Amino acid sequence: MALYGFFQDSESVYLLLELCCEGQLFDIIKKDRRMPEDRTSDIVRQVCLGIEAIHREKIIHRDIKPENIILHEVANPYI
């Protein structure tokens, strides 16, 4: 996922990101109720790599949850 830019106001920082059409992980979990183990482990691995990368930059994400995990590629061909 590409970062095209960012800006901030007195309360928030806004990221301009590549469009990720598949949506939030939360919506996919809610819709399908189940996800194959290999896809689940891949998502967890990618989230951990992302957290590791921001921690190296001394950044803490204080709101990690399925609603804030946006998927770029279709994991399930039935979605």
Protein backbone atom coordinates (compact mmCIF):
# COMPACT_ATOMS: atom_id res chain seq x y z
CA MET A 1 0.00 0.00 0.00
CA ALA A 2 1.48 3.32 -1.07
CA LEU A 3 1.58 6.45 1.09
CA TYR A 4 1.05 9.48 -1.15
CA GLY A 5 1.30 12.13 1.53
CA PHE A 6 0.05 13.34 4.87
CA PHE A 7 -1.15 16.44 6.67
CA GLN A 8 -2.29 17.34 10.15
CA ASP A 9 -4.48 19.70 12.07
CA SER A 10 -4.50 20.50 15.78
CA GLU A 11 -6.10 17.15 16.65
CA SER A 12 -5.19 14.54 14.03
CA VAL A 13 -2.72 13.33 11.44
CA TYR A 14 -4.21 12.31 8.08
CA LEU A 15 -2.58 9.81 5.72
CA LEU A 16 -3.22 9.82 1.97
CA LEU A 17 -3.05 6.14 1.06
CA GLU A 18 -3.54 3.99 -2.00
CA LEU A 19 -7.16 2.92 -2.46
CA CYS A 20 -7.77 -0.51 -0.91
CA CYS A 21 -11.03 -1.75 -2.37
CA GLU A 22 -11.41 -4.90 -0.29
CA GLY A 23 -12.24 -2.95 2.84
CA GLN A 24 -11.79 -3.48 6.53
CA LEU A 25 -10.84 -6.81 8.04
CA PHE A 26 -13.72 -6.36 10.49
CA ASP A 27 -16.30 -6.34 7.67
CA ILE A 28 -14.87 -9.50 6.12
CA ILE A 29 -14.85 -11.31 9.49
CA LYS A 30 -18.41 -10.16 10.18
CA LYS A 31 -19.64 -11.28 6.75
CA ASP A 32 -17.87 -14.65 6.49
CA ARG A 33 -17.57 -15.56 10.19
CA ARG A 34 -14.59 -17.76 9.26
CA MET A 35 -11.34 -17.29 7.43
CA PRO A 36 -8.93 -19.99 6.27
CA GLU A 37 -5.99 -20.51 8.60
CA ASP A 38 -3.41 -19.74 5.93
CA ARG A 39 -5.05 -16.39 5.13
CA THR A 40 -5.42 -15.56 8.82
CA SER A 41 -1.76 -16.32 9.51
CA ASP A 42 -0.73 -14.20 6.50
CA ILE A 43 -2.74 -11.22 7.78
CA VAL A 44 -1.32 -11.61 11.31
CA ARG A 45 2.22 -11.83 9.88
CA GLN A 46 1.73 -8.66 7.83
CA VAL A 47 0.25 -6.77 10.80
CA CYS A 48 3.21 -7.82 12.96
CA LEU A 49 5.68 -6.72 10.28
CA GLY A 50 3.89 -3.37 10.06
CA ILE A 51 3.98 -2.91 13.83
CA GLU A 52 7.65 -3.85 13.87
CA ALA A 53 8.38 -1.25 11.15
CA ILE A 54 6.61 1.60 12.94
CA HIS A 55 8.21 0.65 16.26
CA ARG A 56 11.65 0.95 14.63
CA GLU A 57 10.66 4.53 13.82
CA LYS A 58 9.61 5.09 17.46
CA ILE A 59 5.93 5.27 16.50
CA ILE A 60 3.22 3.59 18.55
CA HIS A 61 -0.16 2.71 17.04
CA ARG A 62 -2.63 2.90 19.90
CA ASP A 63 -5.70 1.57 18.12
CA ILE A 64 -4.90 -1.76 16.44
CA LYS A 65 -8.17 -3.55 15.71
CA PRO A 66 -9.85 -5.24 12.74
CA GLU A 67 -11.63 -2.00 11.82
CA ASN A 68 -8.22 -0.37 11.28
CA ILE A 69 -6.77 -3.17 9.16
CA ILE A 70 -7.61 -2.42 5.53
CA LEU A 71 -7.06 -5.16 2.98
CA HIS A 72 -5.60 -4.45 -0.42
CA GLU A 73 -6.02 -7.81 -2.17
CA VAL A 74 -8.89 -10.24 -2.20
CA ALA A 75 -8.11 -13.07 0.19
CA ASN A 76 -11.27 -15.06 -0.39
CA PRO A 77 -12.48 -15.40 -4.00
CA TYR A 78 -16.08 -15.52 -2.70
CA ILE A 79 -15.92 -12.00 -1.16
